[in-house]
Amino acid sequence: MLTWIIFGLIAGAIAKMIMPGNQNMGWLLTIILGIVGAYVGAFIGQVLGLGDVTGFNFGSMFLAIGGALLVLWIYGMVTKKG
């Protein structure tokens, strides 16, 4: 459980640094973003045959960051004002 929290924090923080704009998220939402992103990235990786999120390694982190970017983009579209 602690590994997923740390993994989620790292993936979510990197995704927030890559994605332009101000997402106004605290550290708890960043962790949740990273964990959800890891699940989304694992699903996409399995569907496309790219692999799975299997542990604390570069391939898993790449999939988790990609999934977190997708989740962050969707979050931005949902909370967009104007």
PDB file of N, CA and C in Angstrom:
ATOM      1  N   MET A   1       0.830  -1.193   0.000  1.00  0.00           N
ATOM      2  CA  MET A   1       0.000   0.000   0.000  1.00  0.00           C
ATOM      3  C   MET A   1       0.876   1.258   0.000  1.00  0.00           C
ATOM      4  N   LEU A   2       1.908   1.268   0.841  1.00  0.00           N
ATOM      5  CA  LEU A   2       2.797   2.419   0.897  1.00  0.00           C
ATOM      6  C   LEU A   2       3.530   2.609  -0.431  1.00  0.00           C
ATOM      7  N   THR A   3       3.866   1.496  -1.079  1.00  0.00           N
ATOM      8  CA  THR A   3       4.541   1.577  -2.385  1.00  0.00           C
ATOM      9  C   THR A   3       3.646   2.245  -3.409  1.00  0.00           C
ATOM     10  N   TRP A   4       2.340   1.894  -3.424  1.00  0.00           N
ATOM     11  CA  TRP A   4       1.415   2.521  -4.367  1.00  0.00           C
ATOM     12  C   TRP A   4       1.273   4.019  -4.093  1.00  0.00           C
ATOM     13  N   ILE A   5       1.287   4.415  -2.828  1.00  0.00           N
ATOM     14  CA  ILE A   5       1.177   5.835  -2.490  1.00  0.00           C
ATOM     15  C   ILE A   5       2.410   6.591  -2.990  1.00  0.00           C
ATOM     16  N   ILE A   6       3.584   6.045  -2.743  1.00  0.00           N
ATOM     17  CA  ILE A   6       4.821   6.690  -3.205  1.00  0.00           C
ATOM     18  C   ILE A   6       4.871   6.712  -4.724  1.00  0.00           C
ATOM     19  N   PHE A   7       4.537   5.582  -5.346  1.00  0.00           N
ATOM     20  CA  PHE A   7       4.508   5.478  -6.804  1.00  0.00           C
ATOM     21  C   PHE A   7       3.516   6.487  -7.386  1.00  0.00           C
ATOM     22  N   GLY A   8       2.329   6.580  -6.784  1.00  0.00           N
ATOM     23  CA  GLY A   8       1.313   7.531  -7.233  1.00  0.00           C
ATOM     24  C   GLY A   8       1.756   8.968  -7.089  1.00  0.00           C
ATOM     25  N   LEU A   9       2.429   9.275  -5.976  1.00  0.00           N
ATOM     26  CA  LEU A   9       2.921  10.639  -5.757  1.00  0.00           C
ATOM     27  C   LEU A   9       3.943  11.016  -6.825  1.00  0.00           C
ATOM     28  N   ILE A  10       4.870  10.114  -7.112  1.00  0.00           N
ATOM     29  CA  ILE A  10       5.902  10.397  -8.115  1.00  0.00           C
ATOM     30  C   ILE A  10       5.283  10.539  -9.502  1.00  0.00           C
ATOM     31  N   ALA A  11       4.431   9.592  -9.896  1.00  0.00           N
ATOM     32  CA  ALA A  11       3.805   9.640 -11.224  1.00  0.00           C
ATOM     33  C   ALA A  11       2.914  10.870 -11.371  1.00  0.00           C
ATOM     34  N   GLY A  12       2.121  11.166 -10.351  1.00  0.00           N
ATOM     35  CA  GLY A  12       1.240  12.332 -10.395  1.00  0.00           C
ATOM     36  C   GLY A  12       2.013  13.643 -10.453  1.00  0.00           C
ATOM     37  N   ALA A  13       3.094  13.743  -9.678  1.00  0.00           N
ATOM     38  CA  ALA A  13       3.898  14.967  -9.666  1.00  0.00           C
ATOM     39  C   ALA A  13       4.578  15.192 -11.018  1.00  0.00           C
ATOM     40  N   ILE A  14       5.107  14.123 -11.606  1.00  0.00           N
ATOM     41  CA  ILE A  14       5.750  14.254 -12.917  1.00  0.00           C
ATOM     42  C   ILE A  14       4.722  14.637 -13.979  1.00  0.00           C
ATOM     43  N   ALA A  15       3.537  14.027 -13.925  1.00  0.00           N
ATOM     44  CA  ALA A  15       2.483  14.365 -14.889  1.00  0.00           C
ATOM     45  C   ALA A  15       2.065  15.828 -14.747  1.00  0.00           C
ATOM     46  N   LYS A  16       1.967  16.319 -13.502  1.00  0.00           N
ATOM     47  CA  LYS A  16       1.610  17.722 -13.295  1.00  0.00           C
ATOM     48  C   LYS A  16       2.693  18.660 -13.813  1.00  0.00           C
ATOM     49  N   MET A  17       3.972  18.240 -13.724  1.00  0.00           N
ATOM     50  CA  MET A  17       5.059  19.080 -14.245  1.00  0.00           C
ATOM     51  C   MET A  17       5.038  19.112 -15.772  1.00  0.00           C
ATOM     52  N   ILE A  18       4.666  18.002 -16.386  1.00  0.00           N
ATOM     53  CA  ILE A  18       4.642  17.929 -17.851  1.00  0.00           C
ATOM     54  C   ILE A  18       3.453  18.691 -18.424  1.00  0.00           C
ATOM     55  N   MET A  19       2.291  18.550 -17.808  1.00  0.00           N
ATOM     56  CA  MET A  19       1.061  19.163 -18.316  1.00  0.00           C
ATOM     57  C   MET A  19       1.077  20.661 -18.034  1.00  0.00           C
ATOM     58  N   PRO A  20       0.903  21.474 -19.074  1.00  0.00           N
ATOM     59  CA  PRO A  20       0.900  22.920 -18.851  1.00  0.00           C
ATOM     60  C   PRO A  20      -0.361  23.373 -18.119  1.00  0.00           C
ATOM     61  N   GLY A  21      -0.250  24.498 -17.460  1.00  0.00           N
ATOM     62  CA  GLY A  21      -1.401  25.072 -16.780  1.00  0.00           C
ATOM     63  C   GLY A  21      -1.337  24.862 -15.278  1.00  0.00           C
ATOM     64  N   ASN A  22      -2.316  25.420 -14.598  1.00  0.00           N
ATOM     65  CA  ASN A  22      -2.406  25.336 -13.145  1.00  0.00           C
ATOM     66  C   ASN A  22      -3.574  24.427 -12.799  1.00  0.00           C
ATOM     67  N   GLN A  23      -3.271  23.244 -12.243  1.00  0.00           N
ATOM     68  CA  GLN A  23      -4.319  22.279 -11.948  1.00  0.00           C
ATOM     69  C   GLN A  23      -4.941  22.466 -10.559  1.00  0.00           C
ATOM     70  N   ASN A  24      -4.339  23.273  -9.708  1.00  0.00           N
ATOM     71  CA  ASN A  24      -4.843  23.536  -8.358  1.00  0.00           C
ATOM     72  C   ASN A  24      -5.153  22.256  -7.593  1.00  0.00           C
ATOM     73  N   MET A  25      -4.170  21.360  -7.500  1.00  0.00           N
ATOM     74  CA  MET A  25      -4.324  20.106  -6.763  1.00  0.00           C
ATOM     75  C   MET A  25      -3.352  20.089  -5.597  1.00  0.00           C
ATOM     76  N   GLY A  26      -3.803  19.574  -4.494  1.00  0.00           N
ATOM     77  CA  GLY A  26      -2.918  19.369  -3.358  1.00  0.00           C
ATOM     78  C   GLY A  26      -2.185  18.048  -3.494  1.00  0.00           C
ATOM     79  N   TRP A  27      -1.426  17.699  -2.480  1.00  0.00           N
ATOM     80  CA  TRP A  27      -0.632  16.477  -2.553  1.00  0.00           C
ATOM     81  C   TRP A  27      -1.499  15.231  -2.538  1.00  0.00           C
ATOM     82  N   LEU A  28      -2.646  15.270  -1.829  1.00  0.00           N
ATOM     83  CA  LEU A  28      -3.521  14.102  -1.775  1.00  0.00           C
ATOM     84  C   LEU A  28      -4.127  13.811  -3.151  1.00  0.00           C
ATOM     85  N   LEU A  29      -4.608  14.839  -3.833  1.00  0.00           N
ATOM     86  CA  LEU A  29      -5.142  14.644  -5.183  1.00  0.00           C
ATOM     87  C   LEU A  29      -4.044  14.242  -6.163  1.00  0.00           C
ATOM     88  N   THR A  30      -2.822  14.698  -5.933  1.00  0.00           N
ATOM     89  CA  THR A  30      -1.706  14.292  -6.785  1.00  0.00           C
ATOM     90  C   THR A  30      -1.428  12.801  -6.629  1.00  0.00           C
ATOM     91  N   ILE A  31      -1.488  12.299  -5.408  1.00  0.00           N
ATOM     92  CA  ILE A  31      -1.305  10.865  -5.171  1.00  0.00           C
ATOM     93  C   ILE A  31      -2.422  10.080  -5.848  1.00  0.00           C
ATOM     94  N   ILE A  32      -3.657  10.528  -5.666  1.00  0.00           N
ATOM     95  CA  ILE A  32      -4.791   9.843  -6.290  1.00  0.00           C
ATOM     96  C   ILE A  32      -4.666   9.880  -7.804  1.00  0.00           C
ATOM     97  N   LEU A  33      -4.254  11.023  -8.347  1.00  0.00           N
ATOM     98  CA  LEU A  33      -4.033  11.142  -9.784  1.00  0.00           C
ATOM     99  C   LEU A  33      -3.016  10.116 -10.267  1.00  0.00           C
ATOM    100  N   GLY A  34      -1.919   9.969  -9.544  1.00  0.00           N
ATOM    101  CA  GLY A  34      -0.888   9.021  -9.925  1.00  0.00           C
ATOM    102  C   GLY A  34      -1.350   7.578  -9.850  1.00  0.00           C
ATOM    103  N   ILE A  35      -2.100   7.235  -8.805  1.00  0.00           N
ATOM    104  CA  ILE A  35      -2.591   5.865  -8.658  1.00  0.00           C
ATOM    105  C   ILE A  35      -3.612   5.539  -9.738  1.00  0.00           C
ATOM    106  N   VAL A  36      -4.564   6.436  -9.971  1.00  0.00           N
ATOM    107  CA  VAL A  36      -5.542   6.226 -11.042  1.00  0.00           C
ATOM    108  C   VAL A  36      -4.836   6.192 -12.392  1.00  0.00           C
ATOM    109  N   GLY A  37      -3.852   7.062 -12.570  1.00  0.00           N
ATOM    110  CA  GLY A  37      -3.069   7.063 -13.798  1.00  0.00           C
ATOM    111  C   GLY A  37      -2.338   5.756 -14.026  1.00  0.00           C
ATOM    112  N   ALA A  38      -1.855   5.146 -12.952  1.00  0.00           N
ATOM    113  CA  ALA A  38      -1.183   3.852 -13.069  1.00  0.00           C
ATOM    114  C   ALA A  38      -2.157   2.782 -13.539  1.00  0.00           C
ATOM    115  N   TYR A  39      -3.369   2.795 -13.018  1.00  0.00           N
ATOM    116  CA  TYR A  39      -4.377   1.831 -13.474  1.00  0.00           C
ATOM    117  C   TYR A  39      -4.752   2.071 -14.929  1.00  0.00           C
ATOM    118  N   VAL A  40      -4.951   3.334 -15.299  1.00  0.00           N
ATOM    119  CA  VAL A  40      -5.283   3.660 -16.689  1.00  0.00           C
ATOM    120  C   VAL A  40      -4.126   3.289 -17.608  1.00  0.00           C
ATOM    121  N   GLY A  41      -2.910   3.625 -17.207  1.00  0.00           N
ATOM    122  CA  GLY A  41      -1.736   3.287 -18.006  1.00  0.00           C
ATOM    123  C   GLY A  41      -1.554   1.787 -18.162  1.00  0.00           C
ATOM    124  N   ALA A  42      -1.817   1.029 -17.094  1.00  0.00           N
ATOM    125  CA  ALA A  42      -1.716  -0.434 -17.165  1.00  0.00           C
ATOM    126  C   ALA A  42      -2.755  -0.998 -18.122  1.00  0.00           C
ATOM    127  N   PHE A  43      -3.966  -0.469 -18.072  1.00  0.00           N
ATOM    128  CA  PHE A  43      -5.015  -0.941 -18.981  1.00  0.00           C
ATOM    129  C   PHE A  43      -4.644  -0.663 -20.435  1.00  0.00           C
ATOM    130  N   ILE A  44      -4.200   0.566 -20.702  1.00  0.00           N
ATOM    131  CA  ILE A  44      -3.805   0.930 -22.073  1.00  0.00           C
ATOM    132  C   ILE A  44      -2.608   0.107 -22.519  1.00  0.00           C
ATOM    133  N   GLY A  45      -1.655  -0.099 -21.627  1.00  0.00           N
ATOM    134  CA  GLY A  45      -0.482  -0.904 -21.941  1.00  0.00           C
ATOM    135  C   GLY A  45      -0.847  -2.335 -22.282  1.00  0.00           C
ATOM    136  N   GLN A  46      -1.799  -2.920 -21.549  1.00  0.00           N
ATOM    137  CA  GLN A  46      -2.236  -4.281 -21.840  1.00  0.00           C
ATOM    138  C   GLN A  46      -2.970  -4.359 -23.166  1.00  0.00           C
ATOM    139  N   VAL A  47      -3.833  -3.392 -23.433  1.00  0.00           N
ATOM    140  CA  VAL A  47      -4.599  -3.390 -24.682  1.00  0.00           C
ATOM    141  C   VAL A  47      -3.674  -3.241 -25.889  1.00  0.00           C
ATOM    142  N   LEU A  48      -2.678  -2.366 -25.779  1.00  0.00           N
ATOM    143  CA  LEU A  48      -1.767  -2.117 -26.897  1.00  0.00           C
ATOM    144  C   LEU A  48      -0.577  -3.074 -26.919  1.00  0.00           C
ATOM    145  N   GLY A  49      -0.478  -3.953 -25.929  1.00  0.00           N
ATOM    146  CA  GLY A  49       0.622  -4.906 -25.878  1.00  0.00           C
ATOM    147  C   GLY A  49       1.950  -4.289 -25.475  1.00  0.00           C
ATOM    148  N   LEU A  50       1.906  -3.179 -24.742  1.00  0.00           N
ATOM    149  CA  LEU A  50       3.124  -2.489 -24.319  1.00  0.00           C
ATOM    150  C   LEU A  50       3.628  -2.964 -22.964  1.00  0.00           C
ATOM    151  N   GLY A  51       2.840  -3.729 -22.257  1.00  0.00           N
ATOM    152  CA  GLY A  51       3.244  -4.195 -20.944  1.00  0.00           C
ATOM    153  C   GLY A  51       2.226  -3.836 -19.894  1.00  0.00           C
ATOM    154  N   ASP A  52       2.659  -3.893 -18.650  1.00  0.00           N
ATOM    155  CA  ASP A  52       1.779  -3.684 -17.517  1.00  0.00           C
ATOM    156  C   ASP A  52       2.553  -2.949 -16.428  1.00  0.00           C
ATOM    157  N   VAL A  53       1.835  -2.394 -15.480  1.00  0.00           N
ATOM    158  CA  VAL A  53       2.464  -1.777 -14.325  1.00  0.00           C
ATOM    159  C   VAL A  53       2.708  -2.902 -13.322  1.00  0.00           C
ATOM    160  N   THR A  54       3.964  -3.384 -13.288  1.00  0.00           N
ATOM    161  CA  THR A  54       4.283  -4.571 -12.499  1.00  0.00           C
ATOM    162  C   THR A  54       5.110  -4.283 -11.265  1.00  0.00           C
ATOM    163  N   GLY A  55       5.589  -3.096 -11.115  1.00  0.00           N
ATOM    164  CA  GLY A  55       6.410  -2.780  -9.953  1.00  0.00           C
ATOM    165  C   GLY A  55       7.055  -1.429 -10.107  1.00  0.00           C
ATOM    166  N   PHE A  56       8.035  -1.186  -9.277  1.00  0.00           N
ATOM    167  CA  PHE A  56       8.715   0.105  -9.274  1.00  0.00           C
ATOM    168  C   PHE A  56       9.873   0.051 -10.271  1.00  0.00           C
ATOM    169  N   ASN A  57       9.570   0.216 -11.576  1.00  0.00           N
ATOM    170  CA  ASN A  57      10.590   0.201 -12.624  1.00  0.00           C
ATOM    171  C   ASN A  57      10.251   1.256 -13.679  1.00  0.00           C
ATOM    172  N   PHE A  58      11.171   1.465 -14.634  1.00  0.00           N
ATOM    173  CA  PHE A  58      10.985   2.533 -15.616  1.00  0.00           C
ATOM    174  C   PHE A  58       9.782   2.297 -16.527  1.00  0.00           C
ATOM    175  N   GLY A  59       9.564   1.073 -16.967  1.00  0.00           N
ATOM    176  CA  GLY A  59       8.433   0.772 -17.838  1.00  0.00           C
ATOM    177  C   GLY A  59       7.102   1.048 -17.155  1.00  0.00           C
ATOM    178  N   SER A  60       6.996   0.626 -15.909  1.00  0.00           N
ATOM    179  CA  SER A  60       5.774   0.865 -15.141  1.00  0.00           C
ATOM    180  C   SER A  60       5.571   2.352 -14.897  1.00  0.00           C
ATOM    181  N   MET A  61       6.659   3.062 -14.583  1.00  0.00           N
ATOM    182  CA  MET A  61       6.551   4.502 -14.340  1.00  0.00           C
ATOM    183  C   MET A  61       6.128   5.237 -15.603  1.00  0.00           C
ATOM    184  N   PHE A  62       6.673   4.825 -16.754  1.00  0.00           N
ATOM    185  CA  PHE A  62       6.298   5.438 -18.028  1.00  0.00           C
ATOM    186  C   PHE A  62       4.804   5.254 -18.300  1.00  0.00           C
ATOM    187  N   LEU A  63       4.285   4.044 -18.096  1.00  0.00           N
ATOM    188  CA  LEU A  63       2.856   3.794 -18.293  1.00  0.00           C
ATOM    189  C   LEU A  63       2.012   4.581 -17.292  1.00  0.00           C
ATOM    190  N   ALA A  64       2.465   4.656 -16.036  1.00  0.00           N
ATOM    191  CA  ALA A  64       1.720   5.388 -15.014  1.00  0.00           C
ATOM    192  C   ALA A  64       1.685   6.882 -15.308  1.00  0.00           C
ATOM    193  N   ILE A  65       2.796   7.437 -15.763  1.00  0.00           N
ATOM    194  CA  ILE A  65       2.825   8.865 -16.098  1.00  0.00           C
ATOM    195  C   ILE A  65       1.934   9.135 -17.307  1.00  0.00           C
ATOM    196  N   GLY A  66       1.983   8.254 -18.311  1.00  0.00           N
ATOM    197  CA  GLY A  66       1.108   8.412 -19.479  1.00  0.00           C
ATOM    198  C   GLY A  66      -0.362   8.352 -19.091  1.00  0.00           C
ATOM    199  N   GLY A  67      -0.705   7.402 -18.232  1.00  0.00           N
ATOM    200  CA  GLY A  67      -2.088   7.318 -17.751  1.00  0.00           C
ATOM    201  C   GLY A  67      -2.471   8.525 -16.923  1.00  0.00           C
ATOM    202  N   ALA A  68      -1.556   9.005 -16.086  1.00  0.00           N
ATOM    203  CA  ALA A  68      -1.828  10.188 -15.265  1.00  0.00           C
ATOM    204  C   ALA A  68      -2.007  11.426 -16.129  1.00  0.00           C
ATOM    205  N   LEU A  69      -1.240  11.539 -17.208  1.00  0.00           N
ATOM    206  CA  LEU A  69      -1.425  12.658 -18.135  1.00  0.00           C
ATOM    207  C   LEU A  69      -2.811  12.620 -18.763  1.00  0.00           C
ATOM    208  N   LEU A  70      -3.258  11.433 -19.146  1.00  0.00           N
ATOM    209  CA  LEU A  70      -4.592  11.294 -19.723  1.00  0.00           C
ATOM    210  C   LEU A  70      -5.664  11.660 -18.698  1.00  0.00           C
ATOM    211  N   VAL A  71      -5.526  11.165 -17.467  1.00  0.00           N
ATOM    212  CA  VAL A  71      -6.482  11.486 -16.408  1.00  0.00           C
ATOM    213  C   VAL A  71      -6.448  12.979 -16.096  1.00  0.00           C
ATOM    214  N   LEU A  72      -5.272  13.575 -16.075  1.00  0.00           N
ATOM    215  CA  LEU A  72      -5.139  15.002 -15.803  1.00  0.00           C
ATOM    216  C   LEU A  72      -5.767  15.831 -16.906  1.00  0.00           C
ATOM    217  N   TRP A  73      -5.616  15.405 -18.149  1.00  0.00           N
ATOM    218  CA  TRP A  73      -6.248  16.108 -19.272  1.00  0.00           C
ATOM    219  C   TRP A  73      -7.771  16.041 -19.146  1.00  0.00           C
ATOM    220  N   ILE A  74      -8.303  14.864 -18.825  1.00  0.00           N
ATOM    221  CA  ILE A  74      -9.754  14.711 -18.640  1.00  0.00           C
ATOM    222  C   ILE A  74     -10.221  15.563 -17.461  1.00  0.00           C
ATOM    223  N   TYR A  75      -9.458  15.562 -16.373  1.00  0.00           N
ATOM    224  CA  TYR A  75      -9.785  16.393 -15.208  1.00  0.00           C
ATOM    225  C   TYR A  75      -9.839  17.871 -15.597  1.00  0.00           C
ATOM    226  N   GLY A  76      -8.877  18.305 -16.418  1.00  0.00           N
ATOM    227  CA  GLY A  76      -8.851  19.690 -16.881  1.00  0.00           C
ATOM    228  C   GLY A  76     -10.046  20.033 -17.749  1.00  0.00           C
ATOM    229  N   MET A  77     -10.485  19.092 -18.590  1.00  0.00           N
ATOM    230  CA  MET A  77     -11.654  19.326 -19.440  1.00  0.00           C
ATOM    231  C   MET A  77     -12.940  19.413 -18.605  1.00  0.00           C
ATOM    232  N   VAL A  78     -13.034  18.589 -17.570  1.00  0.00           N
ATOM    233  CA  VAL A  78     -14.231  18.568 -16.730  1.00  0.00           C
ATOM    234  C   VAL A  78     -14.323  19.817 -15.870  1.00  0.00           C
ATOM    235  N   THR A  79     -13.200  20.291 -15.340  1.00  0.00           N
ATOM    236  CA  THR A  79     -13.204  21.431 -14.434  1.00  0.00           C
ATOM    237  C   THR A  79     -12.934  22.760 -15.124  1.00  0.00           C
ATOM    238  N   LYS A  80     -12.858  22.754 -16.432  1.00  0.00           N
ATOM    239  CA  LYS A  80     -12.552  23.972 -17.186  1.00  0.00           C
ATOM    240  C   LYS A  80     -13.682  24.988 -17.022  1.00  0.00           C
ATOM    241  N   LYS A  81     -13.292  26.221 -16.792  1.00  0.00           N
ATOM    242  CA  LYS A  81     -14.280  27.287 -16.646  1.00  0.00           C
ATOM    243  C   LYS A  81     -14.273  28.161 -17.887  1.00  0.00           C
ATOM    244  N   GLY A  82     -15.442  28.541 -18.299  1.00  0.00           N
ATOM    245  CA  GLY A  82     -15.558  29.441 -19.435  1.00  0.00           C
ATOM    246  C   GLY A  82     -15.736  28.683 -20.661  1.00  0.00           C
TER     247      GLY A  82
END
